[in-house]
Amino acid sequence: MEYVSLEGLRTDGRRPNEHRFCACTFDNPISQSNGCSGSAEFKLGQTACVAAVFGPMTSTSTMQNAIDPLAQEQLKVTVEITSAAFGTDAFFTAPAGRKTSSISSKSDRKNKELALKFEQILSQCVDAKRFPRSEVYVSAATINDDGSASAALFNSIILALVDAGIPLLDVFVAMCATRLDGETLLDQNEVEERGRGAECFVVAETKERKKTDGLKGNIGFNSKNNDDANDDDVKRIVSYDIYGGKLAATAVDGALRACAKGCDDVAIVMRKAMKKRLAKLASTTKNM
């Protein structure tokens, strides 16, 4: 199958470095009906994911505290990810019940591995020292998977944490890319995921820096060209994962830079949604 035409267009009409339309919403009745502290929905094209945050609450991980005494002095983030069979199911319950919706046995292992990865990444994104001896429970679900579901899940979790009032060190955004037909395709859809090319998952810190700060980027293996990089290349990648195949060093650097640029574009939409949400909460507090 030809994933990139001679005109440089993909199967859905996008250029290789273009991502799909993204949207953020906080007023999600599916997650808000469970008494959570914060919730959000993130859409990336036809891929839709929702997340709910419960807490902070008193930590119950006594076994982990016994192994690592310093762990009790920081906020612990527990993530659970499910795949919805139908868009009308109730996905979330309070953490005391720890009941999840019915999920496919094939995706169960993948969701557990993804949840463990998100816990490790979020430990670098959340201001863990603000809530000692506390725990935050995050429940996320994929309503519709049309590709790049892992990035949409992570972005929905970040938005839900902001809605719950959990302090973050910055706005962190995730983006995916794949390598097909010798091209790096940003934000792959379901058809491109079936191509079984090497895939890249990136979480980047999208700090609003001025163009005159003079910083240089260093995000990939081919970092010797960073001295000539534009200001758009000034990024800080918190975490990245490449799976499904092998890539040359130059291809890895291109995939990382494409994902980092996509993270900046998505961050603009997420920041606008956050500011709108905070303004609404502020107006509600004044009227009380």
Protein backbone atom coordinates (compact mmCIF):
# COMPACT_ATOMS: atom_id res chain seq x y z
CA MET A 1 0.00 0.00 0.00
CA GLU A 2 1.18 3.51 -0.82
CA TYR A 3 1.02 5.66 2.30
CA VAL A 4 2.55 8.79 0.73
CA SER A 5 1.59 9.69 -2.84
CA LEU A 6 3.86 11.25 -5.44
CA GLU A 7 2.29 14.60 -4.59
CA GLY A 8 3.46 14.21 -0.99
CA LEU A 9 -0.01 13.59 0.45
CA ARG A 10 -1.05 10.86 2.86
CA THR A 11 -4.14 8.68 2.66
CA ASP A 12 -6.26 11.29 4.50
CA GLY A 13 -4.88 14.27 2.54
CA ARG A 14 -2.40 15.53 5.13
CA ARG A 15 1.25 16.35 4.61
CA PRO A 16 3.75 14.09 6.41
CA ASN A 17 4.47 16.72 9.10
CA GLU A 18 0.82 17.67 9.75
CA HIS A 19 -1.27 16.43 12.65
CA ARG A 20 -5.01 16.07 12.76
CA PHE A 21 -7.48 18.53 14.25
CA CYS A 22 -7.36 18.46 18.05
CA ALA A 23 -9.93 19.65 20.59
CA CYS A 24 -10.14 19.78 24.40
CA THR A 25 -13.23 19.78 26.62
CA PHE A 26 -13.61 19.69 30.38
CA ASP A 27 -17.38 19.37 30.69
CA ASN A 28 -17.55 15.63 30.16
CA PRO A 29 -20.67 14.01 31.68
CA ILE A 30 -19.17 10.49 31.50
CA SER A 31 -16.40 11.22 33.98
CA GLN A 32 -18.07 13.96 36.01
CA SER A 33 -20.90 11.63 37.06
CA ASN A 34 -18.47 9.66 39.25
CA GLY A 35 -17.58 12.42 41.71
CA CYS A 36 -14.03 12.90 40.48
CA SER A 37 -11.85 15.88 41.32
CA GLY A 38 -11.20 16.72 37.67
CA SER A 39 -11.95 15.37 34.23
CA ALA A 40 -11.18 16.14 30.60
CA GLU A 41 -11.64 14.84 27.08
CA PHE A 42 -9.08 15.13 24.31
CA LYS A 43 -9.75 14.48 20.63
CA LEU A 44 -7.14 14.01 17.95
CA GLY A 45 -8.99 13.56 14.71
CA GLN A 46 -11.40 10.67 15.22
CA THR A 47 -9.43 9.42 18.25
CA ALA A 48 -11.20 10.40 21.47
CA CYS A 49 -9.98 9.77 25.02
CA VAL A 50 -11.35 10.77 28.42
CA ALA A 51 -9.63 10.92 31.81
CA ALA A 52 -10.76 11.42 35.40
CA VAL A 53 -8.65 12.29 38.45
CA PHE A 54 -9.52 11.32 42.02
CA GLY A 55 -7.63 12.93 44.86
CA PRO A 56 -5.26 13.93 46.31
CA MET A 57 -6.03 11.45 49.07
CA THR A 58 -4.09 9.77 51.83
CA SER A 59 -1.63 7.28 50.38
CA THR A 60 -2.44 3.59 50.97
CA SER A 61 0.74 2.18 49.41
CA THR A 62 2.23 1.01 52.68
CA MET A 63 4.31 -1.71 51.03
CA GLN A 64 5.97 0.75 48.68
CA ASN A 65 6.65 3.12 51.57
CA ALA A 66 8.33 0.32 53.49
CA ILE A 67 10.63 -0.36 50.54
CA ASP A 68 11.39 3.30 49.80
CA PRO A 69 10.86 5.56 52.85
CA LEU A 70 11.41 8.69 50.70
CA ALA A 71 8.42 7.77 48.52
CA GLN A 72 5.98 8.77 51.27
CA GLU A 73 7.27 12.34 51.18
CA GLN A 74 6.07 12.83 47.59
CA LEU A 75 2.82 12.64 45.74
CA LYS A 76 2.22 9.22 44.18
CA VAL A 77 0.34 9.04 40.87
CA THR A 78 -1.50 5.81 40.04
CA VAL A 79 -2.78 5.40 36.48
CA GLU A 80 -5.32 2.92 35.15
CA ILE A 81 -6.14 2.73 31.45
CA THR A 82 -9.05 0.92 29.83
CA SER A 83 -10.37 0.51 26.32
CA ALA A 84 -14.08 1.09 25.95
CA ALA A 85 -16.15 -1.42 24.04
CA PHE A 86 -18.93 1.10 23.42
CA GLY A 87 -19.02 4.87 23.61
CA THR A 88 -22.00 4.86 26.00
CA ASP A 89 -20.47 2.72 28.77
CA ALA A 90 -19.55 4.18 32.15
CA PHE A 91 -15.81 3.93 32.30
CA PHE A 92 -14.82 5.31 35.69
CA THR A 93 -15.46 4.48 39.31
CA ALA A 94 -14.03 5.77 42.55
CA PRO A 95 -10.59 4.37 43.39
CA ALA A 96 -11.96 2.52 46.40
CA GLY A 97 -13.87 0.15 44.15
CA ARG A 98 -11.16 -0.13 41.52
CA LYS A 99 -13.70 -1.58 39.08
CA THR A 100 -13.14 -1.07 35.38
CA SER A 101 -15.29 -1.52 32.33
CA SER A 102 -15.06 -4.67 30.25
CA ILE A 103 -11.98 -4.59 28.05
CA SER A 104 -10.53 -6.88 25.47
CA SER A 105 -8.01 -9.44 26.72
CA LYS A 106 -5.67 -8.49 23.87
CA SER A 107 -5.51 -4.86 24.92
CA ASP A 108 -5.37 -5.57 28.66
CA ARG A 109 -1.62 -6.16 28.73
CA LYS A 110 -0.96 -3.19 26.46
CA ASN A 111 -3.01 -0.90 28.68
CA LYS A 112 -1.15 -2.04 31.81
CA GLU A 113 2.22 -1.40 30.18
CA LEU A 114 1.06 2.01 28.99
CA ALA A 115 -0.25 2.88 32.46
CA LEU A 116 3.11 1.97 34.02
CA LYS A 117 4.91 4.14 31.46
CA PHE A 118 2.58 7.07 32.17
CA GLU A 119 3.19 6.75 35.92
CA GLN A 120 6.93 7.05 35.36
CA ILE A 121 6.53 10.06 33.07
CA LEU A 122 4.03 11.85 35.29
CA SER A 123 6.41 11.54 38.24
CA GLN A 124 8.63 14.01 36.33
CA CYS A 125 5.74 16.29 35.36
CA VAL A 126 3.86 16.69 38.65
CA ASP A 127 5.11 18.83 41.51
CA ALA A 128 5.29 15.77 43.77
CA LYS A 129 6.60 17.64 46.82
CA ARG A 130 3.47 19.78 47.10
CA PHE A 131 1.33 16.94 48.55
CA PRO A 132 3.44 14.67 50.79
CA ARG A 133 2.03 11.29 51.89
CA SER A 134 -0.72 11.60 49.28
CA GLU A 135 -1.86 9.72 46.23
CA VAL A 136 -3.68 10.68 43.05
CA TYR A 137 -5.66 8.08 41.16
CA VAL A 138 -6.04 8.64 37.41
CA SER A 139 -8.47 6.63 35.30
CA ALA A 140 -8.34 7.08 31.52
CA ALA A 141 -10.18 5.37 28.69
CA THR A 142 -10.12 5.34 24.90
CA ILE A 143 -13.59 5.95 23.51
CA ASN A 144 -12.59 5.65 19.86
CA ASP A 145 -9.17 4.58 18.56
CA ASP A 146 -8.29 5.91 15.11
CA GLY A 147 -4.54 5.99 15.68
CA SER A 148 -2.14 7.74 18.10
CA ALA A 149 -4.31 6.75 21.04
CA SER A 150 -1.37 6.78 23.48
CA ALA A 151 -0.72 10.47 22.79
CA ALA A 152 -4.41 11.35 23.14
CA LEU A 153 -4.59 9.43 26.43
CA PHE A 154 -1.62 11.25 27.90
CA ASN A 155 -2.92 14.67 26.84
CA SER A 156 -6.33 13.93 28.37
CA ILE A 157 -4.61 12.97 31.64
CA ILE A 158 -2.64 16.24 31.68
CA LEU A 159 -5.84 18.23 31.16
CA ALA A 160 -7.65 16.27 33.88
CA LEU A 161 -4.80 16.91 36.34
CA VAL A 162 -5.03 20.64 35.63
CA ASP A 163 -8.80 20.53 36.13
CA ALA A 164 -8.28 18.76 39.48
CA GLY A 165 -5.88 21.45 40.66
CA ILE A 166 -2.80 19.21 40.70
CA PRO A 167 0.28 21.46 40.22
CA LEU A 168 2.41 20.66 37.18
CA LEU A 169 5.94 21.85 36.51
CA ASP A 170 4.87 22.92 33.01
CA VAL A 171 2.45 21.98 30.23
CA PHE A 172 3.54 18.59 28.92
CA VAL A 173 2.20 17.28 25.61
CA ALA A 174 2.52 13.91 23.90
CA MET A 175 2.68 13.18 20.17
CA CYS A 176 3.24 10.08 18.02
CA ALA A 177 4.89 9.50 14.66
CA THR A 178 5.67 6.56 12.41
CA ARG A 179 8.13 5.83 9.61
CA LEU A 180 6.61 4.60 6.33
CA ASP A 181 7.71 4.86 2.69
CA GLY A 182 10.90 6.58 3.81
CA GLU A 183 8.90 9.42 5.35
CA THR A 184 8.23 10.43 8.96
CA LEU A 185 4.44 10.63 9.32
CA LEU A 186 3.30 12.72 12.27
CA ASP A 187 0.18 11.66 14.18
CA GLN A 188 -0.47 8.40 12.36
CA ASN A 189 -4.05 7.24 11.85
CA GLU A 190 -5.35 3.68 12.09
CA VAL A 191 -4.53 2.86 8.47
CA GLU A 192 -0.94 4.01 8.91
CA GLU A 193 -0.59 2.10 12.16
CA ARG A 194 -1.43 -1.09 10.27
CA GLY A 195 1.60 -0.45 8.07
CA ARG A 196 3.74 -1.82 10.93
CA GLY A 197 6.43 0.80 10.60
CA ALA A 198 8.67 1.95 13.43
CA GLU A 199 6.66 4.17 15.77
CA CYS A 200 7.82 6.96 18.05
CA PHE A 201 6.09 8.26 21.18
CA VAL A 202 7.33 11.57 22.59
CA VAL A 203 6.41 13.64 25.65
CA ALA A 204 7.80 17.16 25.45
CA GLU A 205 7.86 20.13 27.77
CA THR A 206 6.21 23.03 25.95
CA LYS A 207 7.58 25.99 27.85
CA GLU A 208 6.73 29.40 26.46
CA ARG A 209 10.17 30.84 25.76
CA LYS A 210 11.02 34.11 24.11
CA LYS A 211 12.79 34.10 20.77
CA THR A 212 15.65 36.10 22.22
CA ASP A 213 16.57 33.64 24.98
CA GLY A 214 19.43 32.19 22.90
CA LEU A 215 18.89 28.61 24.02
CA LYS A 216 19.83 25.72 21.76
CA GLY A 217 17.93 22.47 21.39
CA ASN A 218 19.43 19.06 22.05
CA ILE A 219 16.70 16.53 21.56
CA GLY A 220 18.02 13.84 19.24
CA PHE A 221 21.00 11.71 18.33
CA ASN A 222 22.00 14.00 15.47
CA SER A 223 22.55 16.95 17.80
CA LYS A 224 25.64 18.35 16.07
CA ASN A 225 23.39 20.47 13.84
CA ASN A 226 21.67 22.12 16.78
CA ASP A 227 23.88 25.20 16.53
CA ASP A 228 22.11 26.08 13.29
CA ALA A 229 18.66 25.13 14.55
CA ASN A 230 15.79 27.57 14.54
CA ASP A 231 14.06 28.76 17.66
CA ASP A 232 11.27 26.29 16.87
CA ASP A 233 13.72 23.50 17.71
CA VAL A 234 14.17 24.71 21.29
CA LYS A 235 12.44 21.88 23.10
CA ARG A 236 12.96 19.63 26.03
CA ILE A 237 11.86 16.07 25.51
CA VAL A 238 10.96 14.51 28.84
CA SER A 239 10.54 10.98 27.52
CA TYR A 240 10.46 9.15 24.21
CA ASP A 241 10.01 5.56 23.15
CA ILE A 242 10.68 3.94 19.76
CA TYR A 243 9.18 0.55 19.06
CA GLY A 244 8.03 -1.65 16.21
CA GLY A 245 11.25 -1.49 14.19
CA LYS A 246 14.73 -0.09 13.82
CA LEU A 247 15.63 3.40 12.65
CA ALA A 248 18.84 5.09 11.62
CA ALA A 249 20.17 7.88 13.82
CA THR A 250 19.14 10.57 11.34
CA ALA A 251 15.63 9.08 11.08
CA VAL A 252 15.32 9.03 14.88
CA ASP A 253 16.37 12.66 15.08
CA GLY A 254 13.84 13.60 12.40
CA ALA A 255 11.04 11.74 14.18
CA LEU A 256 11.87 13.38 17.52
CA ARG A 257 11.94 16.85 15.99
CA ALA A 258 8.68 16.27 14.13
CA CYS A 259 6.98 15.10 17.34
CA ALA A 260 8.41 18.01 19.33
CA LYS A 261 7.09 20.49 16.75
CA GLY A 262 3.70 18.75 16.87
CA CYS A 263 3.71 19.01 20.66
CA ASP A 264 4.14 22.77 20.41
CA ASP A 265 1.19 23.05 18.02
CA VAL A 266 -1.06 20.95 20.25
CA ALA A 267 0.11 22.86 23.33
CA ILE A 268 -1.38 26.05 21.90
CA VAL A 269 -4.82 24.43 21.83
CA MET A 270 -4.39 22.92 25.29
CA ARG A 271 -3.25 26.22 26.83
CA LYS A 272 -6.27 28.04 25.40
CA ALA A 273 -8.60 25.40 26.83
CA MET A 274 -6.87 25.58 30.23
CA LYS A 275 -7.11 29.38 30.39
CA LYS A 276 -10.77 29.25 29.41
CA ARG A 277 -11.45 26.64 32.07
CA LEU A 278 -9.61 28.60 34.77
CA ALA A 279 -11.49 31.77 33.83
CA LYS A 280 -14.79 29.90 34.17
CA LEU A 281 -13.81 28.48 37.56
CA ALA A 282 -12.69 31.94 38.73
CA SER A 283 -16.01 33.51 37.73
CA THR A 284 -17.90 30.74 39.50
CA THR A 285 -15.91 31.30 42.69
CA LYS A 286 -16.62 35.05 42.67
CA ASN A 287 -20.36 34.44 42.44
CA MET A 288 -20.35 32.14 45.49
